[in-house]
Each structure stands twice: as C-alpha cells, then as structure tokens.
Amino acid sequence: MLAIARCLMGQPRLIMFDEPSLGLSPAMASEVFRIIRRLKDEGMTIILVEQNVAASLALADQAYVLETGRITLSGTGQTLLRDPRVREAYLGL
C-alpha cells in the first residue's frame, strides 16, 4: 500500500504492478485489487503482471497468457476468463 501511495505522489499516467498480491493474505490481496480497479476506473493505464489469474483477468481490458516466455493466448480479460484452455489450466475448472 505504501509503494502504491508513493508511486501516486509522482502523478504518473501509467503504473506497472509486478505481482502485487504476492505474499499477501486473501483479504489484503482483495484490497490491493480493489485499489487497482479504482485507479483503472479513474483512467490510469495499468500494466499488471500477476499469477492470480481470476483477479487479474477480471480487471483486464487486454490480457496475454505467457508460457515459458511466449505469448500463447491473448484477448480481453473477459474472453480469456471464458476460454476453456485458461479455465482448465489456470482456474482448475
């Protein structure tokens, strides 16, 4: 939270997050994603690298799935959330 606040003090047009939920409790991770959603809704450009597939795709306008450094799937977050390959491989559904 402090890192996000410090970043926002510089009034950036773009923020890049690298695994913002890593090591956080589920409640704190939800709060971080809520803040990222709010920044996005306020017009901030967000680049998000995250292994929490469900939460990150729910936020994404555009998403890319990387496997061993290569883009294997791309599309809107909602499209990828519905993609059976993503659902099976990353969401366990």
Protein backbone atom coordinates (compact mmCIF):
# COMPACT_ATOMS: atom_id res chain seq x y z
CA MET A 1 0.00 0.00 0.00
CA LEU A 2 2.86 2.33 0.81
CA ALA A 3 4.52 1.61 -2.54
CA ILE A 4 1.29 2.45 -4.36
CA ALA A 5 0.89 5.69 -2.40
CA ARG A 6 4.50 6.70 -3.06
CA CYS A 7 4.03 6.00 -6.76
CA LEU A 8 0.84 8.08 -6.94
CA MET A 9 2.62 11.08 -5.42
CA GLY A 10 4.51 11.40 -8.72
CA GLN A 11 1.20 11.72 -10.62
CA PRO A 12 2.04 9.04 -13.20
CA ARG A 13 -0.03 8.34 -16.29
CA LEU A 14 0.91 4.65 -16.18
CA ILE A 15 1.60 2.28 -13.29
CA MET A 16 3.24 -1.09 -13.67
CA PHE A 17 2.48 -3.69 -10.98
CA ASP A 18 4.59 -6.83 -10.66
CA GLU A 19 2.84 -9.50 -8.55
CA PRO A 20 1.12 -7.02 -6.21
CA SER A 21 -0.70 -9.81 -4.33
CA LEU A 22 2.40 -11.95 -3.74
CA GLY A 23 2.66 -12.93 -0.08
CA LEU A 24 -0.49 -11.10 0.98
CA SER A 25 -3.41 -12.53 2.89
CA PRO A 26 -6.53 -13.08 0.77
CA ALA A 27 -8.21 -10.08 2.41
CA MET A 28 -5.24 -7.79 1.74
CA ALA A 29 -4.90 -9.08 -1.83
CA SER A 30 -8.58 -8.25 -2.42
CA GLU A 31 -7.95 -4.75 -1.12
CA VAL A 32 -4.97 -4.27 -3.44
CA PHE A 33 -7.06 -5.42 -6.42
CA ARG A 34 -9.86 -3.07 -5.34
CA ILE A 35 -7.39 -0.17 -5.41
CA ILE A 36 -6.04 -1.21 -8.81
CA ARG A 37 -9.62 -1.38 -10.13
CA ARG A 38 -10.29 2.10 -8.77
CA LEU A 39 -7.16 3.51 -10.42
CA LYS A 40 -8.20 1.88 -13.71
CA ASP A 41 -11.74 3.25 -13.41
CA GLU A 42 -10.26 6.73 -12.85
CA GLY A 43 -8.45 6.46 -16.19
CA MET A 44 -5.00 5.29 -15.10
CA THR A 45 -3.20 2.98 -17.51
CA ILE A 46 -2.24 -0.19 -15.65
CA ILE A 47 0.24 -2.87 -16.66
CA LEU A 48 -0.27 -5.83 -14.35
CA VAL A 49 1.88 -8.95 -14.11
CA GLU A 50 0.08 -11.34 -11.78
CA GLN A 51 -0.33 -15.05 -11.17
CA ASN A 52 -3.79 -14.64 -9.64
CA VAL A 53 -5.46 -15.34 -12.97
CA ALA A 54 -9.08 -14.82 -11.95
CA ALA A 55 -8.47 -11.46 -10.27
CA SER A 56 -6.18 -10.11 -12.98
CA LEU A 57 -8.39 -11.17 -15.90
CA ALA A 58 -11.42 -9.65 -14.17
CA LEU A 59 -9.56 -6.30 -14.28
CA ALA A 60 -8.03 -6.58 -17.74
CA ASP A 61 -9.16 -4.79 -20.85
CA GLN A 62 -6.46 -6.70 -22.75
CA ALA A 63 -4.59 -9.74 -21.45
CA TYR A 64 -1.78 -12.03 -22.52
CA VAL A 65 -1.07 -15.53 -21.23
CA LEU A 66 2.63 -16.34 -21.21
CA GLU A 67 4.06 -19.84 -21.08
CA THR A 68 7.82 -20.24 -20.93
CA GLY A 69 8.28 -16.67 -22.11
CA ARG A 70 5.97 -16.88 -25.12
CA ILE A 71 2.51 -15.45 -25.62
CA THR A 72 0.18 -18.43 -26.03
CA LEU A 73 -3.18 -16.66 -25.73
CA SER A 74 -4.40 -13.09 -25.90
CA GLY A 75 -7.70 -11.28 -25.83
CA THR A 76 -9.89 -9.30 -23.49
CA GLY A 77 -9.89 -10.32 -19.87
CA GLN A 78 -13.49 -11.49 -20.08
CA THR A 79 -12.81 -13.53 -23.22
CA LEU A 80 -9.88 -15.29 -21.58
CA LEU A 81 -11.88 -15.92 -18.40
CA ARG A 82 -14.37 -17.85 -20.55
CA ASP A 83 -11.70 -19.64 -22.62
CA PRO A 84 -11.77 -23.37 -21.74
CA ARG A 85 -7.96 -23.61 -22.01
CA VAL A 86 -7.50 -20.88 -19.41
CA ARG A 87 -10.26 -22.25 -17.20
CA GLU A 88 -8.72 -25.72 -17.17
CA ALA A 89 -5.04 -24.80 -16.95
CA TYR A 90 -5.17 -21.83 -14.58
CA LEU A 91 -8.51 -21.80 -12.81
CA GLY A 92 -8.95 -25.51 -12.21
CA LEU A 93 -12.43 -25.51 -13.72
